[in-house]
N, C-alpha and C. Protein backbone atom coordinates (compact mmCIF):
# COMPACT_ATOMS: atom_id res chain seq x y z
N UNK A 1 21.51 7.35 -19.66
CA UNK A 1 21.58 7.16 -18.22
C UNK A 1 20.24 7.51 -17.59
N UNK A 2 19.81 6.74 -16.63
CA UNK A 2 18.55 6.95 -15.94
C UNK A 2 18.69 8.13 -14.98
N UNK A 3 17.72 9.04 -15.05
CA UNK A 3 17.73 10.18 -14.13
C UNK A 3 17.04 9.78 -12.84
N UNK A 4 17.72 10.00 -11.73
CA UNK A 4 17.16 9.71 -10.41
C UNK A 4 16.86 11.04 -9.73
N UNK A 5 15.59 11.42 -9.65
CA UNK A 5 15.23 12.76 -9.17
C UNK A 5 15.59 13.02 -7.71
N UNK A 6 15.81 12.00 -6.90
CA UNK A 6 16.15 12.22 -5.50
C UNK A 6 17.65 12.39 -5.28
N UNK A 7 18.42 12.49 -6.37
CA UNK A 7 19.85 12.78 -6.26
C UNK A 7 20.12 14.15 -6.86
N UNK A 8 20.92 14.95 -6.16
CA UNK A 8 21.27 16.27 -6.70
C UNK A 8 22.45 16.13 -7.66
N UNK A 9 22.96 17.26 -8.14
CA UNK A 9 24.05 17.24 -9.13
C UNK A 9 25.33 16.63 -8.57
N UNK A 10 25.48 16.54 -7.25
CA UNK A 10 26.66 15.94 -6.62
C UNK A 10 26.41 14.47 -6.26
N UNK A 11 25.23 13.94 -6.61
CA UNK A 11 24.91 12.56 -6.31
C UNK A 11 24.42 12.33 -4.89
N UNK A 12 24.06 13.40 -4.20
CA UNK A 12 23.59 13.31 -2.82
C UNK A 12 22.07 13.22 -2.78
N UNK A 13 21.57 12.45 -1.86
CA UNK A 13 20.11 12.33 -1.70
C UNK A 13 19.54 13.64 -1.21
N UNK A 14 18.39 14.03 -1.78
CA UNK A 14 17.68 15.24 -1.35
C UNK A 14 16.21 15.09 -1.67
N UNK A 15 15.40 15.94 -1.04
CA UNK A 15 13.97 15.95 -1.33
C UNK A 15 13.75 16.77 -2.61
N UNK A 16 12.98 16.23 -3.53
CA UNK A 16 12.69 16.91 -4.79
C UNK A 16 11.86 18.17 -4.52
N UNK A 17 12.20 19.26 -5.18
CA UNK A 17 11.44 20.50 -5.06
C UNK A 17 10.22 20.41 -5.98
N UNK A 18 9.04 20.41 -5.38
CA UNK A 18 7.80 20.34 -6.16
C UNK A 18 7.05 21.68 -6.11
N UNK A 19 7.71 22.72 -5.63
CA UNK A 19 7.06 24.01 -5.42
C UNK A 19 6.52 24.65 -6.69
N UNK A 20 7.12 24.39 -7.82
CA UNK A 20 6.67 25.00 -9.07
C UNK A 20 5.74 24.10 -9.88
N UNK A 21 5.44 22.91 -9.37
CA UNK A 21 4.57 22.00 -10.09
C UNK A 21 3.11 22.36 -9.84
N UNK A 22 2.30 22.18 -10.87
CA UNK A 22 0.86 22.49 -10.77
C UNK A 22 0.16 21.44 -9.92
N UNK A 23 -0.86 21.88 -9.19
CA UNK A 23 -1.71 20.95 -8.46
C UNK A 23 -2.61 20.23 -9.45
N UNK A 24 -2.62 18.91 -9.40
CA UNK A 24 -3.54 18.11 -10.20
C UNK A 24 -4.10 17.01 -9.31
N UNK A 25 -5.21 16.43 -9.72
CA UNK A 25 -5.78 15.29 -8.99
C UNK A 25 -4.84 14.12 -9.18
N UNK A 26 -4.47 13.48 -8.09
CA UNK A 26 -3.56 12.34 -8.11
C UNK A 26 -4.26 11.15 -7.46
N UNK A 27 -4.13 10.00 -8.10
CA UNK A 27 -4.72 8.76 -7.59
C UNK A 27 -3.68 7.66 -7.73
N UNK A 28 -3.57 6.82 -6.72
CA UNK A 28 -2.72 5.63 -6.81
C UNK A 28 -3.43 4.46 -6.13
N UNK A 29 -3.26 3.28 -6.71
CA UNK A 29 -3.80 2.05 -6.16
C UNK A 29 -2.66 1.05 -6.08
N UNK A 30 -2.52 0.42 -4.92
CA UNK A 30 -1.47 -0.59 -4.72
C UNK A 30 -2.08 -1.80 -4.05
N UNK A 31 -1.36 -2.92 -4.14
CA UNK A 31 -1.82 -4.12 -3.48
C UNK A 31 -0.67 -4.81 -2.77
N UNK A 32 -1.03 -5.62 -1.80
CA UNK A 32 -0.09 -6.51 -1.12
C UNK A 32 -0.79 -7.85 -0.95
N UNK A 33 -0.02 -8.91 -1.03
CA UNK A 33 -0.56 -10.26 -0.86
C UNK A 33 0.11 -10.92 0.33
N UNK A 34 -0.69 -11.55 1.16
CA UNK A 34 -0.18 -12.31 2.29
C UNK A 34 -0.63 -13.75 2.09
N UNK A 35 0.32 -14.65 1.93
CA UNK A 35 0.02 -16.07 1.72
C UNK A 35 -0.07 -16.77 3.07
N UNK A 36 -1.15 -17.52 3.27
CA UNK A 36 -1.44 -18.16 4.55
C UNK A 36 -1.89 -19.60 4.35
N UNK A 37 -1.88 -20.35 5.44
CA UNK A 37 -2.46 -21.69 5.43
C UNK A 37 -3.98 -21.54 5.28
N UNK A 38 -4.61 -22.50 4.63
CA UNK A 38 -6.06 -22.42 4.37
C UNK A 38 -6.88 -22.28 5.65
N UNK A 39 -6.51 -23.01 6.71
CA UNK A 39 -7.28 -22.91 7.95
C UNK A 39 -7.13 -21.54 8.61
N UNK A 40 -5.98 -20.89 8.39
CA UNK A 40 -5.78 -19.54 8.93
C UNK A 40 -6.65 -18.54 8.18
N UNK A 41 -6.72 -18.67 6.86
CA UNK A 41 -7.58 -17.78 6.08
C UNK A 41 -9.03 -17.96 6.51
N UNK A 42 -9.44 -19.20 6.74
CA UNK A 42 -10.81 -19.47 7.17
C UNK A 42 -11.09 -18.84 8.53
N UNK A 43 -10.18 -18.99 9.47
CA UNK A 43 -10.35 -18.39 10.80
C UNK A 43 -10.43 -16.87 10.71
N UNK A 44 -9.62 -16.30 9.86
CA UNK A 44 -9.62 -14.85 9.64
C UNK A 44 -10.95 -14.41 9.04
N UNK A 45 -11.38 -15.08 8.01
CA UNK A 45 -12.62 -14.71 7.32
C UNK A 45 -13.85 -14.88 8.22
N UNK A 46 -13.80 -15.86 9.11
CA UNK A 46 -14.93 -16.14 10.00
C UNK A 46 -14.84 -15.39 11.33
N UNK A 47 -13.79 -14.57 11.50
CA UNK A 47 -13.65 -13.80 12.73
C UNK A 47 -13.34 -14.64 13.95
N UNK A 48 -12.61 -15.75 13.77
CA UNK A 48 -12.32 -16.66 14.88
C UNK A 48 -10.92 -16.49 15.45
N UNK A 49 -10.31 -15.33 15.28
CA UNK A 49 -8.97 -15.11 15.82
C UNK A 49 -9.06 -14.60 17.25
N UNK A 50 -8.15 -15.08 18.09
CA UNK A 50 -8.15 -14.69 19.50
C UNK A 50 -7.92 -13.19 19.68
N UNK A 51 -7.18 -12.58 18.78
CA UNK A 51 -6.86 -11.15 18.91
C UNK A 51 -7.98 -10.23 18.46
N UNK A 52 -9.03 -10.76 17.84
CA UNK A 52 -10.14 -9.92 17.43
C UNK A 52 -10.27 -9.77 15.93
N UNK A 53 -10.88 -8.68 15.52
CA UNK A 53 -11.22 -8.43 14.12
C UNK A 53 -9.99 -7.93 13.35
N UNK A 54 -9.23 -8.87 12.82
CA UNK A 54 -8.00 -8.54 12.11
C UNK A 54 -8.25 -7.70 10.87
N UNK A 55 -9.37 -7.90 10.20
CA UNK A 55 -9.66 -7.15 8.98
C UNK A 55 -9.87 -5.67 9.30
N UNK A 56 -10.59 -5.38 10.38
CA UNK A 56 -10.80 -3.99 10.78
C UNK A 56 -9.50 -3.35 11.23
N UNK A 57 -8.70 -4.08 12.01
CA UNK A 57 -7.41 -3.55 12.45
C UNK A 57 -6.54 -3.23 11.25
N UNK A 58 -6.49 -4.13 10.28
CA UNK A 58 -5.66 -3.92 9.10
C UNK A 58 -6.12 -2.71 8.28
N UNK A 59 -7.43 -2.55 8.13
CA UNK A 59 -7.95 -1.38 7.39
C UNK A 59 -7.51 -0.07 8.05
N UNK A 60 -7.70 0.02 9.36
CA UNK A 60 -7.34 1.24 10.08
C UNK A 60 -5.83 1.46 10.03
N UNK A 61 -5.06 0.40 10.19
CA UNK A 61 -3.60 0.51 10.12
C UNK A 61 -3.16 1.01 8.74
N UNK A 62 -3.79 0.51 7.69
CA UNK A 62 -3.44 0.97 6.34
C UNK A 62 -3.75 2.44 6.13
N UNK A 63 -4.90 2.88 6.63
CA UNK A 63 -5.26 4.30 6.52
C UNK A 63 -4.24 5.15 7.27
N UNK A 64 -3.92 4.76 8.49
CA UNK A 64 -2.94 5.51 9.28
C UNK A 64 -1.57 5.52 8.59
N UNK A 65 -1.18 4.40 8.00
CA UNK A 65 0.10 4.32 7.31
C UNK A 65 0.16 5.28 6.13
N UNK A 66 -0.92 5.37 5.37
CA UNK A 66 -0.95 6.32 4.24
C UNK A 66 -0.72 7.74 4.74
N UNK A 67 -1.37 8.07 5.87
CA UNK A 67 -1.24 9.42 6.43
C UNK A 67 0.15 9.69 6.98
N UNK A 68 0.89 8.64 7.37
CA UNK A 68 2.20 8.79 8.00
C UNK A 68 3.36 8.44 7.06
N UNK A 69 3.10 8.30 5.78
CA UNK A 69 4.14 7.87 4.84
C UNK A 69 5.38 8.75 4.90
N UNK A 70 5.22 10.05 4.99
CA UNK A 70 6.39 10.95 5.02
C UNK A 70 7.26 10.71 6.24
N UNK A 71 6.72 10.12 7.29
CA UNK A 71 7.52 9.78 8.47
C UNK A 71 8.31 8.49 8.26
N UNK A 72 7.88 7.67 7.32
CA UNK A 72 8.48 6.36 7.09
C UNK A 72 9.36 6.29 5.85
N UNK A 73 8.96 6.99 4.79
CA UNK A 73 9.71 7.03 3.54
C UNK A 73 10.41 8.39 3.53
N UNK A 74 11.69 8.37 3.80
CA UNK A 74 12.40 9.56 4.22
C UNK A 74 12.36 10.74 3.26
N UNK A 75 12.29 10.52 1.97
CA UNK A 75 12.28 11.64 1.04
C UNK A 75 10.90 11.92 0.46
N UNK A 76 9.88 11.30 1.01
CA UNK A 76 8.50 11.56 0.58
C UNK A 76 8.02 12.87 1.19
N UNK A 77 7.20 13.57 0.44
CA UNK A 77 6.63 14.83 0.92
C UNK A 77 5.42 14.56 1.81
N UNK A 78 5.26 15.33 2.89
CA UNK A 78 4.01 15.23 3.65
C UNK A 78 2.87 15.75 2.77
N UNK A 79 1.80 14.99 2.64
CA UNK A 79 0.72 15.36 1.73
C UNK A 79 -0.61 15.47 2.47
N UNK A 80 -1.44 16.36 1.98
CA UNK A 80 -2.81 16.46 2.46
C UNK A 80 -3.66 15.50 1.62
N UNK A 81 -3.90 14.32 2.16
CA UNK A 81 -4.66 13.31 1.43
C UNK A 81 -6.14 13.64 1.49
N UNK A 82 -6.82 13.44 0.36
CA UNK A 82 -8.25 13.72 0.32
C UNK A 82 -9.09 12.46 0.48
N UNK A 83 -8.48 11.29 0.24
CA UNK A 83 -9.22 10.03 0.39
C UNK A 83 -8.25 8.88 0.51
N UNK A 84 -8.54 7.96 1.43
CA UNK A 84 -7.80 6.70 1.55
C UNK A 84 -8.83 5.59 1.75
N UNK A 85 -8.76 4.56 0.92
CA UNK A 85 -9.63 3.40 1.04
C UNK A 85 -8.76 2.16 1.06
N UNK A 86 -8.87 1.36 2.11
CA UNK A 86 -8.10 0.13 2.24
C UNK A 86 -9.08 -1.02 2.34
N UNK A 87 -8.92 -1.99 1.46
CA UNK A 87 -9.77 -3.19 1.46
C UNK A 87 -8.91 -4.40 1.75
N UNK A 88 -9.37 -5.21 2.67
CA UNK A 88 -8.64 -6.41 3.08
C UNK A 88 -9.56 -7.59 2.81
N UNK A 89 -9.17 -8.43 1.85
CA UNK A 89 -10.04 -9.51 1.39
C UNK A 89 -9.41 -10.88 1.61
N UNK A 90 -9.98 -11.68 2.51
CA UNK A 90 -9.52 -13.06 2.60
C UNK A 90 -9.88 -13.80 1.32
N UNK A 91 -8.99 -14.62 0.83
CA UNK A 91 -9.20 -15.43 -0.36
C UNK A 91 -8.98 -16.90 0.01
N UNK A 92 -9.96 -17.52 0.67
CA UNK A 92 -9.78 -18.90 1.16
C UNK A 92 -9.39 -19.89 0.06
N UNK A 93 -9.95 -19.72 -1.13
CA UNK A 93 -9.66 -20.65 -2.22
C UNK A 93 -8.23 -20.51 -2.74
N UNK A 94 -7.57 -19.41 -2.40
CA UNK A 94 -6.20 -19.17 -2.86
C UNK A 94 -5.18 -19.20 -1.72
N UNK A 95 -5.65 -19.39 -0.49
CA UNK A 95 -4.72 -19.41 0.64
C UNK A 95 -4.03 -18.07 0.82
N UNK A 96 -4.81 -16.99 0.74
CA UNK A 96 -4.20 -15.67 0.77
C UNK A 96 -5.15 -14.62 1.32
N UNK A 97 -4.56 -13.50 1.67
CA UNK A 97 -5.30 -12.28 1.96
C UNK A 97 -4.76 -11.25 0.98
N UNK A 98 -5.67 -10.56 0.31
CA UNK A 98 -5.28 -9.52 -0.63
C UNK A 98 -5.68 -8.17 -0.03
N UNK A 99 -4.72 -7.26 0.01
CA UNK A 99 -4.97 -5.90 0.48
C UNK A 99 -4.87 -4.98 -0.72
N UNK A 100 -5.86 -4.11 -0.88
CA UNK A 100 -5.80 -3.09 -1.92
C UNK A 100 -6.00 -1.74 -1.26
N UNK A 101 -5.12 -0.80 -1.57
CA UNK A 101 -5.19 0.55 -1.01
C UNK A 101 -5.29 1.55 -2.15
N UNK A 102 -6.27 2.46 -2.03
CA UNK A 102 -6.46 3.53 -3.00
C UNK A 102 -6.28 4.85 -2.24
N UNK A 103 -5.42 5.71 -2.76
CA UNK A 103 -5.13 6.99 -2.11
C UNK A 103 -5.30 8.10 -3.14
N UNK A 104 -5.90 9.21 -2.69
CA UNK A 104 -6.14 10.34 -3.58
C UNK A 104 -5.73 11.64 -2.91
N UNK A 105 -5.33 12.60 -3.73
CA UNK A 105 -5.06 13.96 -3.29
C UNK A 105 -5.16 14.88 -4.50
N UNK A 106 -5.15 16.15 -4.24
CA UNK A 106 -4.94 17.15 -5.28
C UNK A 106 -3.71 17.93 -4.84
N UNK A 107 -2.68 17.87 -5.66
CA UNK A 107 -1.43 18.50 -5.26
C UNK A 107 -0.36 18.37 -6.32
N UNK A 108 0.88 18.78 -5.95
CA UNK A 108 1.96 18.83 -6.92
C UNK A 108 2.76 17.53 -7.06
N UNK A 109 2.44 16.53 -6.25
CA UNK A 109 3.19 15.27 -6.33
C UNK A 109 2.25 14.09 -6.09
N UNK A 110 2.67 12.94 -6.57
CA UNK A 110 1.82 11.76 -6.56
C UNK A 110 1.70 11.08 -5.22
N UNK A 111 0.82 10.09 -5.16
CA UNK A 111 0.52 9.37 -3.93
C UNK A 111 0.85 7.87 -4.04
N UNK A 112 1.76 7.53 -4.94
CA UNK A 112 2.14 6.13 -5.10
C UNK A 112 2.73 5.54 -3.82
N UNK A 113 3.61 6.29 -3.17
CA UNK A 113 4.25 5.78 -1.95
C UNK A 113 3.23 5.62 -0.83
N UNK A 114 2.25 6.51 -0.77
CA UNK A 114 1.21 6.40 0.25
C UNK A 114 0.37 5.15 0.03
N UNK A 115 0.03 4.86 -1.21
CA UNK A 115 -0.76 3.66 -1.51
C UNK A 115 0.03 2.39 -1.21
N UNK A 116 1.30 2.36 -1.59
CA UNK A 116 2.10 1.17 -1.34
C UNK A 116 2.37 0.98 0.15
N UNK A 117 2.60 2.07 0.86
CA UNK A 117 2.81 1.99 2.31
C UNK A 117 1.54 1.49 3.00
N UNK A 118 0.39 2.00 2.60
CA UNK A 118 -0.88 1.57 3.19
C UNK A 118 -1.09 0.08 2.97
N UNK A 119 -0.85 -0.41 1.76
CA UNK A 119 -1.05 -1.84 1.47
C UNK A 119 -0.09 -2.71 2.29
N UNK A 120 1.17 -2.31 2.34
CA UNK A 120 2.17 -3.11 3.06
C UNK A 120 1.88 -3.15 4.56
N UNK A 121 1.57 -2.02 5.14
CA UNK A 121 1.34 -1.97 6.59
C UNK A 121 0.04 -2.68 6.96
N UNK A 122 -0.98 -2.57 6.13
CA UNK A 122 -2.21 -3.32 6.40
C UNK A 122 -1.92 -4.82 6.40
N UNK A 123 -1.15 -5.29 5.42
CA UNK A 123 -0.81 -6.71 5.35
C UNK A 123 0.04 -7.13 6.55
N UNK A 124 0.97 -6.29 6.98
CA UNK A 124 1.78 -6.61 8.16
C UNK A 124 0.91 -6.69 9.42
N UNK A 125 -0.12 -5.88 9.50
CA UNK A 125 -1.03 -5.96 10.64
C UNK A 125 -1.84 -7.25 10.63
N UNK A 126 -2.21 -7.73 9.44
CA UNK A 126 -2.86 -9.03 9.37
C UNK A 126 -1.89 -10.10 9.90
N UNK A 127 -0.64 -10.03 9.45
CA UNK A 127 0.35 -11.01 9.92
C UNK A 127 0.45 -10.97 11.44
N UNK A 128 0.50 -9.77 12.01
CA UNK A 128 0.60 -9.65 13.46
C UNK A 128 -0.58 -10.32 14.15
N UNK A 129 -1.75 -10.21 13.55
CA UNK A 129 -2.96 -10.78 14.15
C UNK A 129 -3.03 -12.31 14.00
N UNK A 130 -2.35 -12.88 12.97
CA UNK A 130 -2.47 -14.32 12.71
C UNK A 130 -1.21 -15.10 13.03
N UNK A 131 -0.14 -14.43 13.43
CA UNK A 131 1.15 -15.12 13.57
C UNK A 131 1.12 -16.28 14.57
N UNK A 132 0.27 -16.22 15.56
CA UNK A 132 0.14 -17.34 16.51
C UNK A 132 -0.32 -18.61 15.78
N UNK A 133 -1.13 -18.44 14.75
CA UNK A 133 -1.70 -19.56 14.01
C UNK A 133 -0.82 -19.99 12.83
N UNK A 134 -0.05 -19.05 12.26
CA UNK A 134 0.62 -19.34 10.99
C UNK A 134 1.90 -18.49 10.85
N UNK A 135 2.94 -18.89 11.54
CA UNK A 135 4.21 -18.14 11.48
C UNK A 135 4.87 -18.23 10.12
N UNK A 136 4.46 -19.17 9.29
CA UNK A 136 5.05 -19.34 7.96
C UNK A 136 4.41 -18.44 6.90
N UNK A 137 3.46 -17.60 7.30
CA UNK A 137 2.81 -16.70 6.33
C UNK A 137 3.87 -15.85 5.64
N UNK A 138 3.60 -15.52 4.37
CA UNK A 138 4.57 -14.78 3.56
C UNK A 138 3.91 -13.54 2.97
N UNK A 139 4.51 -12.40 3.22
CA UNK A 139 4.08 -11.15 2.59
C UNK A 139 4.83 -11.02 1.28
N UNK A 140 4.09 -10.80 0.19
CA UNK A 140 4.77 -10.68 -1.11
C UNK A 140 3.99 -9.73 -2.02
N UNK A 141 4.65 -9.35 -3.07
CA UNK A 141 4.05 -8.56 -4.14
C UNK A 141 3.38 -7.28 -3.68
N UNK A 142 4.10 -6.48 -2.92
CA UNK A 142 3.62 -5.12 -2.67
C UNK A 142 3.93 -4.37 -3.96
N UNK A 143 2.88 -3.94 -4.65
CA UNK A 143 3.12 -3.36 -5.98
C UNK A 143 2.07 -2.33 -6.34
N UNK A 144 2.50 -1.41 -7.18
CA UNK A 144 1.61 -0.38 -7.69
C UNK A 144 0.78 -0.97 -8.82
N UNK A 145 -0.54 -0.76 -8.75
CA UNK A 145 -1.44 -1.24 -9.80
C UNK A 145 -1.85 -0.12 -10.74
N UNK A 146 -1.98 1.10 -10.19
CA UNK A 146 -2.48 2.23 -10.98
C UNK A 146 -1.96 3.53 -10.39
N UNK A 147 -1.66 4.47 -11.27
CA UNK A 147 -1.43 5.84 -10.85
C UNK A 147 -1.91 6.74 -11.95
N UNK A 148 -2.49 7.87 -11.56
CA UNK A 148 -2.91 8.85 -12.55
C UNK A 148 -2.68 10.24 -11.98
N UNK A 149 -2.58 11.20 -12.90
CA UNK A 149 -2.33 12.58 -12.52
C UNK A 149 -0.86 12.93 -12.69
N UNK A 150 -0.62 14.22 -12.84
CA UNK A 150 0.76 14.68 -12.97
C UNK A 150 1.29 14.57 -14.38
N UNK A 151 2.52 15.04 -14.54
CA UNK A 151 3.15 15.12 -15.85
C UNK A 151 3.44 13.75 -16.46
N UNK A 152 3.66 12.74 -15.63
CA UNK A 152 4.01 11.43 -16.18
C UNK A 152 2.79 10.64 -16.65
N UNK A 153 1.59 11.17 -16.42
CA UNK A 153 0.38 10.53 -16.95
C UNK A 153 -0.09 9.35 -16.14
N UNK A 154 -0.68 8.40 -16.85
CA UNK A 154 -1.33 7.25 -16.22
C UNK A 154 -0.49 6.00 -16.38
N UNK A 155 -0.47 5.20 -15.32
CA UNK A 155 0.17 3.88 -15.34
C UNK A 155 -0.86 2.88 -14.89
N UNK A 156 -1.05 1.81 -15.64
CA UNK A 156 -1.90 0.70 -15.24
C UNK A 156 -1.12 -0.60 -15.43
N UNK A 157 -0.94 -1.34 -14.35
CA UNK A 157 -0.25 -2.62 -14.42
C UNK A 157 -1.19 -3.67 -15.00
N UNK A 158 -0.68 -4.45 -15.92
CA UNK A 158 -1.45 -5.59 -16.41
C UNK A 158 -1.34 -6.67 -15.36
N UNK A 159 -2.46 -7.09 -14.80
CA UNK A 159 -2.47 -8.07 -13.73
C UNK A 159 -2.78 -9.44 -14.31
N UNK A 160 -1.97 -10.41 -13.96
CA UNK A 160 -2.17 -11.78 -14.38
C UNK A 160 -3.52 -12.29 -13.88
N UNK A 161 -4.32 -12.85 -14.77
CA UNK A 161 -5.66 -13.33 -14.42
C UNK A 161 -5.62 -14.40 -13.32
N UNK A 162 -4.50 -15.13 -13.20
CA UNK A 162 -4.40 -16.15 -12.19
C UNK A 162 -3.90 -15.65 -10.84
N UNK A 163 -3.61 -14.36 -10.75
CA UNK A 163 -3.09 -13.85 -9.48
C UNK A 163 -4.21 -13.73 -8.46
N UNK A 164 -3.83 -13.54 -7.23
CA UNK A 164 -4.80 -13.43 -6.15
C UNK A 164 -5.45 -12.09 -6.27
């Protein structure tokens, strides 16, 4: 049977106690993909959106989202993050925007949720900035690419060479 750490012995949801865990360097990288029409990606990349610099807005939104993850993911621990880097890359040849978020801390628990939250919220902010031009845009594949630190060790997702 799979152990679910956020359930207690009675099957009730609870916050995991990390008080006795050692502080280690923790790193997580996540990505989100937003599929768009080619002309929308071009307008975004060239800074021709009426709402302004969507890439800068998305970067700042992703950083803020990482910092606020415990407010959004109910059983996540509030963490003192040491670094957040959000990159928002238009991919005109693929009809997409790729967001990558890297989050770091030194502490008793990982930053996977912070990285995934940052990537998702950054991509949603791009959608908000382009929705007038492309309401059919699709947010997909919010996923963890890498995590290191802690007792569970390192995880690296094998990424398909044809992916965005």
